[in-house]
C-alpha atoms as a PDB file:
ATOM      1  CA  UNK A   1      -4.182 -13.477  30.828  1.00  0.00           C
ATOM      2  CA  UNK A   2      -2.097 -11.791  28.212  1.00  0.00           C
ATOM      3  CA  UNK A   3       0.668 -10.000  29.793  1.00  0.00           C
ATOM      4  CA  UNK A   4       1.875  -6.747  27.638  1.00  0.00           C
ATOM      5  CA  UNK A   5       5.382  -6.135  26.670  1.00  0.00           C
ATOM      6  CA  UNK A   6       5.252  -2.592  28.214  1.00  0.00           C
ATOM      7  CA  UNK A   7       3.373  -1.282  31.111  1.00  0.00           C
ATOM      8  CA  UNK A   8      -0.346   0.015  30.410  1.00  0.00           C
ATOM      9  CA  UNK A   9      -0.302   3.943  29.685  1.00  0.00           C
ATOM     10  CA  UNK A  10      -3.023   6.483  29.000  1.00  0.00           C
ATOM     11  CA  UNK A  11      -2.347   8.279  25.644  1.00  0.00           C
ATOM     12  CA  UNK A  12      -1.670  12.029  25.879  1.00  0.00           C
ATOM     13  CA  UNK A  13      -4.172  14.409  24.376  1.00  0.00           C
ATOM     14  CA  UNK A  14      -1.520  14.924  21.397  1.00  0.00           C
ATOM     15  CA  UNK A  15      -1.275  10.910  20.886  1.00  0.00           C
ATOM     16  CA  UNK A  16      -5.118  10.924  20.782  1.00  0.00           C
ATOM     17  CA  UNK A  17      -5.121  12.817  17.510  1.00  0.00           C
ATOM     18  CA  UNK A  18      -3.526   9.752  15.922  1.00  0.00           C
ATOM     19  CA  UNK A  19      -5.812   7.459  17.602  1.00  0.00           C
ATOM     20  CA  UNK A  20      -8.023   6.488  14.330  1.00  0.00           C
ATOM     21  CA  UNK A  21      -8.027   9.092  11.742  1.00  0.00           C
ATOM     22  CA  UNK A  22      -9.063   8.994   8.069  1.00  0.00           C
ATOM     23  CA  UNK A  23      -8.720  11.840   5.772  1.00  0.00           C
ATOM     24  CA  UNK A  24      -9.228  12.010   2.111  1.00  0.00           C
ATOM     25  CA  UNK A  25      -7.750  14.404  -0.376  1.00  0.00           C
ATOM     26  CA  UNK A  26      -8.593  14.694  -4.029  1.00  0.00           C
ATOM     27  CA  UNK A  27      -5.856  17.232  -5.158  1.00  0.00           C
ATOM     28  CA  UNK A  28      -2.315  18.636  -3.650  1.00  0.00           C
ATOM     29  CA  UNK A  29      -4.146  21.849  -3.378  1.00  0.00           C
ATOM     30  CA  UNK A  30      -6.385  20.081  -0.622  1.00  0.00           C
ATOM     31  CA  UNK A  31      -3.582  18.623   0.975  1.00  0.00           C
ATOM     32  CA  UNK A  32      -1.004  21.549   1.184  1.00  0.00           C
ATOM     33  CA  UNK A  33      -2.638  23.578   3.837  1.00  0.00           C
ATOM     34  CA  UNK A  34      -2.368  20.428   6.196  1.00  0.00           C
ATOM     35  CA  UNK A  35       0.760  19.339   5.211  1.00  0.00           C
ATOM     36  CA  UNK A  36       3.101  21.431   7.900  1.00  0.00           C
ATOM     37  CA  UNK A  37       0.803  19.945  10.457  1.00  0.00           C
ATOM     38  CA  UNK A  38       0.943  16.532   9.673  1.00  0.00           C
ATOM     39  CA  UNK A  39       4.706  16.498   9.066  1.00  0.00           C
ATOM     40  CA  UNK A  40       4.797  18.095  12.587  1.00  0.00           C
ATOM     41  CA  UNK A  41       2.918  15.066  13.750  1.00  0.00           C
ATOM     42  CA  UNK A  42       5.747  12.818  12.885  1.00  0.00           C
ATOM     43  CA  UNK A  43       7.312  13.721  16.391  1.00  0.00           C
ATOM     44  CA  UNK A  44       4.576  11.812  18.021  1.00  0.00           C
ATOM     45  CA  UNK A  45       5.325   8.469  16.171  1.00  0.00           C
ATOM     46  CA  UNK A  46       7.482   7.080  18.889  1.00  0.00           C
ATOM     47  CA  UNK A  47       4.930   7.811  21.592  1.00  0.00           C
ATOM     48  CA  UNK A  48       2.184   6.103  19.174  1.00  0.00           C
ATOM     49  CA  UNK A  49       4.393   3.161  18.898  1.00  0.00           C
ATOM     50  CA  UNK A  50       4.721   2.856  22.421  1.00  0.00           C
ATOM     51  CA  UNK A  51       1.062   2.904  22.944  1.00  0.00           C
ATOM     52  CA  UNK A  52       0.981  -0.083  20.584  1.00  0.00           C
ATOM     53  CA  UNK A  53       3.549  -1.726  22.611  1.00  0.00           C
ATOM     54  CA  UNK A  54       1.515  -1.304  25.880  1.00  0.00           C
ATOM     55  CA  UNK A  55      -1.992  -1.989  24.283  1.00  0.00           C
ATOM     56  CA  UNK A  56      -1.767  -4.043  20.948  1.00  0.00           C
ATOM     57  CA  UNK A  57      -3.757  -3.166  18.042  1.00  0.00           C
ATOM     58  CA  UNK A  58      -7.186  -4.046  16.318  1.00  0.00           C
ATOM     59  CA  UNK A  59      -6.790  -5.586  13.309  1.00  0.00           C
ATOM     60  CA  UNK A  60      -8.890  -4.127  10.451  1.00  0.00           C
ATOM     61  CA  UNK A  61     -11.529  -6.030   8.655  1.00  0.00           C
ATOM     62  CA  UNK A  62     -11.360  -9.025  11.277  1.00  0.00           C
ATOM     63  CA  UNK A  63     -11.669  -6.602  14.544  1.00  0.00           C
ATOM     64  CA  UNK A  64      -9.087  -9.149  16.237  1.00  0.00           C
ATOM     65  CA  UNK A  65      -7.078  -7.752  19.028  1.00  0.00           C
ATOM     66  CA  UNK A  66      -3.427  -8.432  18.514  1.00  0.00           C
ATOM     67  CA  UNK A  67      -1.580  -8.336  21.644  1.00  0.00           C
ATOM     68  CA  UNK A  68       1.739  -6.665  22.066  1.00  0.00           C
ATOM     69  CA  UNK A  69       3.633  -9.931  22.284  1.00  0.00           C
ATOM     70  CA  UNK A  70       2.561 -10.669  18.706  1.00  0.00           C
ATOM     71  CA  UNK A  71       3.793  -7.525  17.271  1.00  0.00           C
ATOM     72  CA  UNK A  72       7.193  -6.450  16.079  1.00  0.00           C
ATOM     73  CA  UNK A  73       8.024  -2.663  15.925  1.00  0.00           C
ATOM     74  CA  UNK A  74      11.164  -1.697  14.132  1.00  0.00           C
ATOM     75  CA  UNK A  75      11.891   2.300  14.191  1.00  0.00           C
ATOM     76  CA  UNK A  76      12.209   4.692  12.678  1.00  0.00           C
ATOM     77  CA  UNK A  77      10.172   4.074   9.536  1.00  0.00           C
ATOM     78  CA  UNK A  78       7.027   2.850  11.208  1.00  0.00           C
ATOM     79  CA  UNK A  79       5.228   2.619   7.821  1.00  0.00           C
ATOM     80  CA  UNK A  80       7.458  -0.287   6.869  1.00  0.00           C
ATOM     81  CA  UNK A  81       7.155  -1.965  10.509  1.00  0.00           C
ATOM     82  CA  UNK A  82       4.491  -2.871  13.140  1.00  0.00           C
ATOM     83  CA  UNK A  83       4.566  -6.553  11.779  1.00  0.00           C
ATOM     84  CA  UNK A  84       1.540  -8.449  13.117  1.00  0.00           C
ATOM     85  CA  UNK A  85      -0.194 -11.387  11.544  1.00  0.00           C
ATOM     86  CA  UNK A  86       2.144 -10.847   8.245  1.00  0.00           C
ATOM     87  CA  UNK A  87       0.859  -7.520   7.545  1.00  0.00           C
ATOM     88  CA  UNK A  88       2.938  -4.207   8.061  1.00  0.00           C
ATOM     89  CA  UNK A  89       1.519  -0.806   8.938  1.00  0.00           C
ATOM     90  CA  UNK A  90       0.956  -0.064   5.145  1.00  0.00           C
ATOM     91  CA  UNK A  91      -0.869  -3.314   4.560  1.00  0.00           C
ATOM     92  CA  UNK A  92      -3.510  -2.519   7.420  1.00  0.00           C
ATOM     93  CA  UNK A  93      -3.745   1.055   5.788  1.00  0.00           C
ATOM     94  CA  UNK A  94      -5.053  -0.928   2.630  1.00  0.00           C
ATOM     95  CA  UNK A  95      -7.451  -3.126   4.913  1.00  0.00           C
ATOM     96  CA  UNK A  96      -8.889  -0.114   6.475  1.00  0.00           C
ATOM     97  CA  UNK A  97      -9.880   1.188   2.981  1.00  0.00           C
ATOM     98  CA  UNK A  98     -11.579  -1.992   2.203  1.00  0.00           C
ATOM     99  CA  UNK A  99     -13.258  -1.957   5.648  1.00  0.00           C
ATOM    100  CA  UNK A 100     -14.589   1.455   4.808  1.00  0.00           C
ATOM    101  CA  UNK A 101     -15.843   0.737   0.993  1.00  0.00           C
ATOM    102  CA  UNK A 102     -17.133  -2.865   1.598  1.00  0.00           C
ATOM    103  CA  UNK A 103     -18.152  -2.554   5.339  1.00  0.00           C
ATOM    104  CA  UNK A 104     -16.884  -6.317   6.625  1.00  0.00           C
ATOM    105  CA  UNK A 105     -14.747  -9.121   6.133  1.00  0.00           C
ATOM    106  CA  UNK A 106     -17.842 -11.286   4.833  1.00  0.00           C
ATOM    107  CA  UNK A 107     -18.574  -8.602   2.323  1.00  0.00           C
ATOM    108  CA  UNK A 108     -14.737  -8.064   1.075  1.00  0.00           C
ATOM    109  CA  UNK A 109     -14.594 -12.056   0.905  1.00  0.00           C
ATOM    110  CA  UNK A 110     -17.334 -11.978  -1.761  1.00  0.00           C
ATOM    111  CA  UNK A 111     -15.404  -9.622  -4.069  1.00  0.00           C
ATOM    112  CA  UNK A 112     -13.160 -10.968  -7.024  1.00  0.00           C
ATOM    113  CA  UNK A 113      -9.923  -9.662  -5.999  1.00  0.00           C
ATOM    114  CA  UNK A 114      -6.729  -9.544  -7.920  1.00  0.00           C
ATOM    115  CA  UNK A 115      -3.644  -9.004  -5.696  1.00  0.00           C
ATOM    116  CA  UNK A 116      -0.376  -8.604  -7.568  1.00  0.00           C
ATOM    117  CA  UNK A 117       1.812 -10.131  -5.035  1.00  0.00           C
ATOM    118  CA  UNK A 118       1.924 -13.743  -4.058  1.00  0.00           C
ATOM    119  CA  UNK A 119       4.873 -14.539  -1.685  1.00  0.00           C
ATOM    120  CA  UNK A 120       4.478 -11.998   1.191  1.00  0.00           C
ATOM    121  CA  UNK A 121       2.898 -11.947   4.365  1.00  0.00           C
ATOM    122  CA  UNK A 122       0.191  -9.939   3.275  1.00  0.00           C
ATOM    123  CA  UNK A 123      -0.276 -12.364   0.267  1.00  0.00           C
ATOM    124  CA  UNK A 124      -0.505 -15.178   2.839  1.00  0.00           C
ATOM    125  CA  UNK A 125      -3.131 -13.088   4.946  1.00  0.00           C
ATOM    126  CA  UNK A 126      -5.168 -12.483   1.982  1.00  0.00           C
ATOM    127  CA  UNK A 127      -5.426 -16.104   1.044  1.00  0.00           C
ATOM    128  CA  UNK A 128      -6.540 -17.102   4.472  1.00  0.00           C
ATOM    129  CA  UNK A 129      -9.720 -14.773   4.149  1.00  0.00           C
ATOM    130  CA  UNK A 130     -10.445 -14.430   0.273  1.00  0.00           C
ATOM    131  CA  UNK A 131     -11.686 -17.348  -1.337  1.00  0.00           C
ATOM    132  CA  UNK A 132     -12.118 -15.719  -4.735  1.00  0.00           C
ATOM    133  CA  UNK A 133      -8.531 -14.218  -4.677  1.00  0.00           C
ATOM    134  CA  UNK A 134      -6.211 -14.328  -7.664  1.00  0.00           C
ATOM    135  CA  UNK A 135      -2.532 -13.539  -7.182  1.00  0.00           C
ATOM    136  CA  UNK A 136       0.713 -13.044  -9.194  1.00  0.00           C
ATOM    137  CA  UNK A 137       4.272 -11.889  -9.329  1.00  0.00           C
ATOM    138  CA  UNK A 138       6.389 -10.337 -11.828  1.00  0.00           C
ATOM    139  CA  UNK A 139       8.806 -13.263 -12.565  1.00  0.00           C
ATOM    140  CA  UNK A 140      10.838 -11.936 -15.609  1.00  0.00           C
ATOM    141  CA  UNK A 141      14.588 -12.407 -14.565  1.00  0.00           C
ATOM    142  CA  UNK A 142      13.668 -14.411 -11.468  1.00  0.00           C
ATOM    143  CA  UNK A 143      15.241 -17.635 -12.048  1.00  0.00           C
ATOM    144  CA  UNK A 144      14.589 -19.455  -8.607  1.00  0.00           C
ATOM    145  CA  UNK A 145      10.373 -19.025  -9.374  1.00  0.00           C
ATOM    146  CA  UNK A 146      10.264 -20.504 -13.106  1.00  0.00           C
ATOM    147  CA  UNK A 147       8.688 -23.664 -11.864  1.00  0.00           C
ATOM    148  CA  UNK A 148       5.163 -22.381 -12.494  1.00  0.00           C
ATOM    149  CA  UNK A 149       3.891 -22.529  -9.235  1.00  0.00           C
ATOM    150  CA  UNK A 150       3.428 -18.811  -8.819  1.00  0.00           C
ATOM    151  CA  UNK A 151       1.698 -17.209 -11.839  1.00  0.00           C
ATOM    152  CA  UNK A 152       3.681 -14.492 -13.698  1.00  0.00           C
ATOM    153  CA  UNK A 153       1.904 -11.244 -14.668  1.00  0.00           C
ATOM    154  CA  UNK A 154       3.061  -8.008 -16.067  1.00  0.00           C
ATOM    155  CA  UNK A 155       0.991  -5.237 -14.741  1.00  0.00           C
ATOM    156  CA  UNK A 156       1.436  -3.249 -18.093  1.00  0.00           C
ATOM    157  CA  UNK A 157       0.334  -6.109 -20.121  1.00  0.00           C
ATOM    158  CA  UNK A 158      -2.266  -8.228 -18.074  1.00  0.00           C
ATOM    159  CA  UNK A 159      -3.506 -11.638 -19.528  1.00  0.00           C
ATOM    160  CA  UNK A 160      -6.835 -11.531 -17.777  1.00  0.00           C
ATOM    161  CA  UNK A 161     -10.014 -10.881 -19.785  1.00  0.00           C
ATOM    162  CA  UNK A 162     -11.987  -7.448 -19.535  1.00  0.00           C
ATOM    163  CA  UNK A 163     -14.062  -6.860 -16.245  1.00  0.00           C
ATOM    164  CA  UNK A 164     -12.655  -9.921 -14.393  1.00  0.00           C
ATOM    165  CA  UNK A 165     -12.348  -8.326 -10.994  1.00  0.00           C
ATOM    166  CA  UNK A 166     -14.069  -6.455  -8.524  1.00  0.00           C
ATOM    167  CA  UNK A 167     -10.993  -5.187  -6.552  1.00  0.00           C
ATOM    168  CA  UNK A 168      -7.235  -4.948  -7.664  1.00  0.00           C
ATOM    169  CA  UNK A 169      -4.780  -4.405  -4.913  1.00  0.00           C
ATOM    170  CA  UNK A 170      -1.090  -3.162  -5.697  1.00  0.00           C
ATOM    171  CA  UNK A 171       1.097  -2.709  -2.869  1.00  0.00           C
ATOM    172  CA  UNK A 172       4.773  -0.880  -3.461  1.00  0.00           C
ATOM    173  CA  UNK A 173       4.463  -1.597  -7.383  1.00  0.00           C
ATOM    174  CA  UNK A 174       3.823   1.619  -9.168  1.00  0.00           C
ATOM    175  CA  UNK A 175       7.299   3.013  -8.360  1.00  0.00           C
ATOM    176  CA  UNK A 176       8.831   0.038 -10.172  1.00  0.00           C
ATOM    177  CA  UNK A 177       6.517   0.126 -13.769  1.00  0.00           C
ATOM    178  CA  UNK A 178       8.387   1.823 -16.566  1.00  0.00           C
ATOM    179  CA  UNK A 179       5.093   2.741 -18.118  1.00  0.00           C
ATOM    180  CA  UNK A 180       2.812   3.629 -15.271  1.00  0.00           C
ATOM    181  CA  UNK A 181      -0.087   5.232 -17.342  1.00  0.00           C
ATOM    182  CA  UNK A 182      -0.106   1.844 -19.415  1.00  0.00           C
ATOM    183  CA  UNK A 183      -0.464  -0.110 -16.256  1.00  0.00           C
ATOM    184  CA  UNK A 184      -3.325   1.854 -14.929  1.00  0.00           C
ATOM    185  CA  UNK A 185      -5.086   1.405 -18.159  1.00  0.00           C
ATOM    186  CA  UNK A 186      -4.601  -2.453 -17.919  1.00  0.00           C
ATOM    187  CA  UNK A 187      -5.861  -2.220 -14.140  1.00  0.00           C
ATOM    188  CA  UNK A 188      -8.778  -0.389 -15.461  1.00  0.00           C
ATOM    189  CA  UNK A 189      -9.494  -2.780 -18.124  1.00  0.00           C
ATOM    190  CA  UNK A 190      -9.569  -5.703 -15.769  1.00  0.00           C
ATOM    191  CA  UNK A 191     -11.866  -3.874 -13.208  1.00  0.00           C
ATOM    192  CA  UNK A 192     -15.493  -4.392 -13.752  1.00  0.00           C
ATOM    193  CA  UNK A 193     -17.662  -1.261 -13.736  1.00  0.00           C
ATOM    194  CA  UNK A 194     -17.609   0.365 -10.164  1.00  0.00           C
ATOM    195  CA  UNK A 195     -14.545  -1.922  -9.510  1.00  0.00           C
ATOM    196  CA  UNK A 196     -12.054  -0.467  -7.138  1.00  0.00           C
ATOM    197  CA  UNK A 197      -8.241   0.004  -7.259  1.00  0.00           C
ATOM    198  CA  UNK A 198      -6.439   0.430  -3.932  1.00  0.00           C
ATOM    199  CA  UNK A 199      -2.607   0.983  -3.962  1.00  0.00           C
ATOM    200  CA  UNK A 200       0.252   2.115  -1.843  1.00  0.00           C
ATOM    201  CA  UNK A 201       3.533   3.641  -2.985  1.00  0.00           C
ATOM    202  CA  UNK A 202       6.405   5.748  -1.885  1.00  0.00           C
ATOM    203  CA  UNK A 203       4.830   9.191  -2.633  1.00  0.00           C
ATOM    204  CA  UNK A 204       6.450  12.374  -3.363  1.00  0.00           C
ATOM    205  CA  UNK A 205       3.785  13.917  -1.501  1.00  0.00           C
ATOM    206  CA  UNK A 206       4.684  17.448  -1.322  1.00  0.00           C
ATOM    207  CA  UNK A 207       4.726  18.091  -5.154  1.00  0.00           C
ATOM    208  CA  UNK A 208       2.580  17.542  -8.072  1.00  0.00           C
ATOM    209  CA  UNK A 209       5.200  15.918 -10.530  1.00  0.00           C
ATOM    210  CA  UNK A 210       6.471  12.629 -10.247  1.00  0.00           C
ATOM    211  CA  UNK A 211      10.225  12.285  -9.414  1.00  0.00           C
ATOM    212  CA  UNK A 212      11.816  10.140 -12.423  1.00  0.00           C
ATOM    213  CA  UNK A 213      14.486   8.092 -11.664  1.00  0.00           C
ATOM    214  CA  UNK A 214      14.919   5.853 -14.869  1.00  0.00           C
ATOM    215  CA  UNK A 215      13.132   5.275 -18.108  1.00  0.00           C
ATOM    216  CA  UNK A 216      13.115   2.800 -20.952  1.00  0.00           C
ATOM    217  CA  UNK A 217      14.882   4.196 -24.267  1.00  0.00           C
ATOM    218  CA  UNK A 218      13.327   3.471 -27.641  1.00  0.00           C
ATOM    219  CA  UNK A 219      12.118  -0.133 -28.317  1.00  0.00           C
ATOM    220  CA  UNK A 220      15.552  -1.677 -27.324  1.00  0.00           C
ATOM    221  CA  UNK A 221      14.375  -1.857 -23.532  1.00  0.00           C
ATOM    222  CA  UNK A 222      17.525  -0.087 -22.457  1.00  0.00           C
ATOM    223  CA  UNK A 223      17.262   1.678 -19.205  1.00  0.00           C
ATOM    224  CA  UNK A 224      18.422   5.050 -18.817  1.00  0.00           C
ATOM    225  CA  UNK A 225      19.071   6.264 -15.423  1.00  0.00           C
ATOM    226  CA  UNK A 226      18.423   9.766 -14.187  1.00  0.00           C
ATOM    227  CA  UNK A 227      20.772  10.255 -11.548  1.00  0.00           C
ATOM    228  CA  UNK A 228      21.979   7.407  -9.399  1.00  0.00           C
ATOM    229  CA  UNK A 229      20.273   4.283  -9.956  1.00  0.00           C
ATOM    230  CA  UNK A 230      17.756   3.429  -7.034  1.00  0.00           C
ATOM    231  CA  UNK A 231      16.819  -0.151  -6.009  1.00  0.00           C
ATOM    232  CA  UNK A 232      14.184  -1.243  -3.749  1.00  0.00           C
ATOM    233  CA  UNK A 233      14.127  -4.570  -1.601  1.00  0.00           C
ATOM    234  CA  UNK A 234      12.684  -7.184  -3.769  1.00  0.00           C
ATOM    235  CA  UNK A 235      11.713 -10.817  -1.913  1.00  0.00           C
ATOM    236  CA  UNK A 236      11.654 -12.270  -5.790  1.00  0.00           C
ATOM    237  CA  UNK A 237      14.938 -10.921  -6.619  1.00  0.00           C
ATOM    238  CA  UNK A 238      16.768 -10.343  -3.251  1.00  0.00           C
ATOM    239  CA  UNK A 239      20.203 -10.380  -4.665  1.00  0.00           C
ATOM    240  CA  UNK A 240      19.499  -7.340  -7.258  1.00  0.00           C
ATOM    241  CA  UNK A 241      16.541  -5.703  -5.854  1.00  0.00           C
ATOM    242  CA  UNK A 242      13.723  -3.999  -7.752  1.00  0.00           C
ATOM    243  CA  UNK A 243      14.786  -0.938 -10.080  1.00  0.00           C
ATOM    244  CA  UNK A 244      12.547   2.264  -9.294  1.00  0.00           C
ATOM    245  CA  UNK A 245      11.526   4.076 -12.269  1.00  0.00           C
ATOM    246  CA  UNK A 246       9.789   6.842 -10.216  1.00  0.00           C
ATOM    247  CA  UNK A 247       8.371   8.174  -7.314  1.00  0.00           C
ATOM    248  CA  UNK A 248       4.714   9.144  -7.679  1.00  0.00           C
ATOM    249  CA  UNK A 249       3.529  12.448  -6.911  1.00  0.00           C
ATOM    250  CA  UNK A 250       0.186  13.878  -6.884  1.00  0.00           C
ATOM    251  CA  UNK A 251       0.011  13.720 -10.766  1.00  0.00           C
ATOM    252  CA  UNK A 252      -0.874   9.845 -10.255  1.00  0.00           C
ATOM    253  CA  UNK A 253      -4.553  11.077  -9.855  1.00  0.00           C
ATOM    254  CA  UNK A 254      -4.442  12.663 -13.207  1.00  0.00           C
ATOM    255  CA  UNK A 255      -2.813   9.587 -14.612  1.00  0.00           C
ATOM    256  CA  UNK A 256      -5.735   7.369 -13.210  1.00  0.00           C
ATOM    257  CA  UNK A 257      -8.340   9.801 -14.609  1.00  0.00           C
ATOM    258  CA  UNK A 258      -6.768   9.590 -18.016  1.00  0.00           C
ATOM    259  CA  UNK A 259      -6.650   5.898 -17.780  1.00  0.00           C
ATOM    260  CA  UNK A 260     -10.437   5.810 -17.490  1.00  0.00           C
ATOM    261  CA  UNK A 261     -11.242   5.911 -13.648  1.00  0.00           C
ATOM    262  CA  UNK A 262     -14.161   8.060 -12.829  1.00  0.00           C
ATOM    263  CA  UNK A 263     -13.615   8.708  -9.041  1.00  0.00           C
ATOM    264  CA  UNK A 264      -9.751   8.892  -7.612  1.00  0.00           C
ATOM    265  CA  UNK A 265      -8.716   9.920  -3.943  1.00  0.00           C
ATOM    266  CA  UNK A 266      -5.889   9.815  -1.806  1.00  0.00           C
ATOM    267  CA  UNK A 267      -6.535   8.639   1.598  1.00  0.00           C
ATOM    268  CA  UNK A 268      -4.287   9.497   4.563  1.00  0.00           C
ATOM    269  CA  UNK A 269      -4.863   6.735   7.298  1.00  0.00           C
ATOM    270  CA  UNK A 270      -3.492   7.347  10.698  1.00  0.00           C
ATOM    271  CA  UNK A 271      -4.405   5.105  13.771  1.00  0.00           C
ATOM    272  CA  UNK A 272      -2.249   3.714  16.218  1.00  0.00           C
ATOM    273  CA  UNK A 273      -5.425   1.717  17.350  1.00  0.00           C
ATOM    274  CA  UNK A 274      -5.065  -0.189  14.302  1.00  0.00           C
ATOM    275  CA  UNK A 275      -1.589  -0.410  13.853  1.00  0.00           C
ATOM    276  CA  UNK A 276      -1.482   2.212  11.141  1.00  0.00           C
ATOM    277  CA  UNK A 277       1.449   4.731  11.309  1.00  0.00           C
ATOM    278  CA  UNK A 278       3.928   6.438   8.790  1.00  0.00           C
ATOM    279  CA  UNK A 279       7.290   7.635   8.326  1.00  0.00           C
ATOM    280  CA  UNK A 280       7.796  11.277   7.518  1.00  0.00           C
ATOM    281  CA  UNK A 281       3.987  11.522   7.971  1.00  0.00           C
ATOM    282  CA  UNK A 282       2.394  10.443  10.935  1.00  0.00           C
ATOM    283  CA  UNK A 283      -0.188   8.183   8.636  1.00  0.00           C
ATOM    284  CA  UNK A 284      -0.044   6.250   5.383  1.00  0.00           C
ATOM    285  CA  UNK A 285      -1.190   7.620   2.121  1.00  0.00           C
ATOM    286  CA  UNK A 286      -3.322   5.045  -0.082  1.00  0.00           C
ATOM    287  CA  UNK A 287      -4.609   5.352  -3.442  1.00  0.00           C
ATOM    288  CA  UNK A 288      -8.274   4.458  -4.360  1.00  0.00           C
ATOM    289  CA  UNK A 289      -9.480   4.697  -7.964  1.00  0.00           C
ATOM    290  CA  UNK A 290     -12.958   3.734  -8.936  1.00  0.00           C
ATOM    291  CA  UNK A 291     -13.532   2.085 -12.400  1.00  0.00           C
END
């Protein structure tokens, strides 16, 4: 018998609103009327995390119950926490989108998938279940990974042939790309017709325009900072971090349409049942774009 790390509890009516909710938005105009309520729900996150500490979670796609003792929760930003089986909250949000699109783990495992990461816990999880998985890292300036064991790819200049993949996954990557429209075009190019892009990234969810943090000037490759330089943690370059060029706003939907994607939507996944909780919002935003 599994012994929970917290006493069993009955979730309140308010917490039940965060039990397992999946919302879709195709524009900022659709999202804004709900934004005050979704922000207010952020006060329920600690209680939702307590439910997980009591009951555990159901892992998306596998349907496996992960007991509380196998889950690591580190407040206050639950989007970057609720670690279980190598996956964070935002990773399971992507898994839930895959589950909604393909229906089952077996169906997803039959897809040709490109994951633009190779050394994270999520990358290890994907290798365990996805036999047709291609992985890479961006290795420029990463001296410790130059032995060729991990493939190098630049999302703005992918080496793969046209129509190589059914599904492309990009986690916490778009904010670090100097030319995001170019990268979206490359993803569109390597996707087969009707293929999908699924991506998470920190988002300026209350506005249309992306927040520009840095840019490349001319052909020299010189970086011009707009305000204070912003770096995020990077397992490939832990001593330096990864430079943030922008925090995408809702204009990323228009960028994806301009890159040739036919259907673009933002999902908001909120589910203590499946271990998907957010930071400022109660849930996690995920971009889905269909080729």
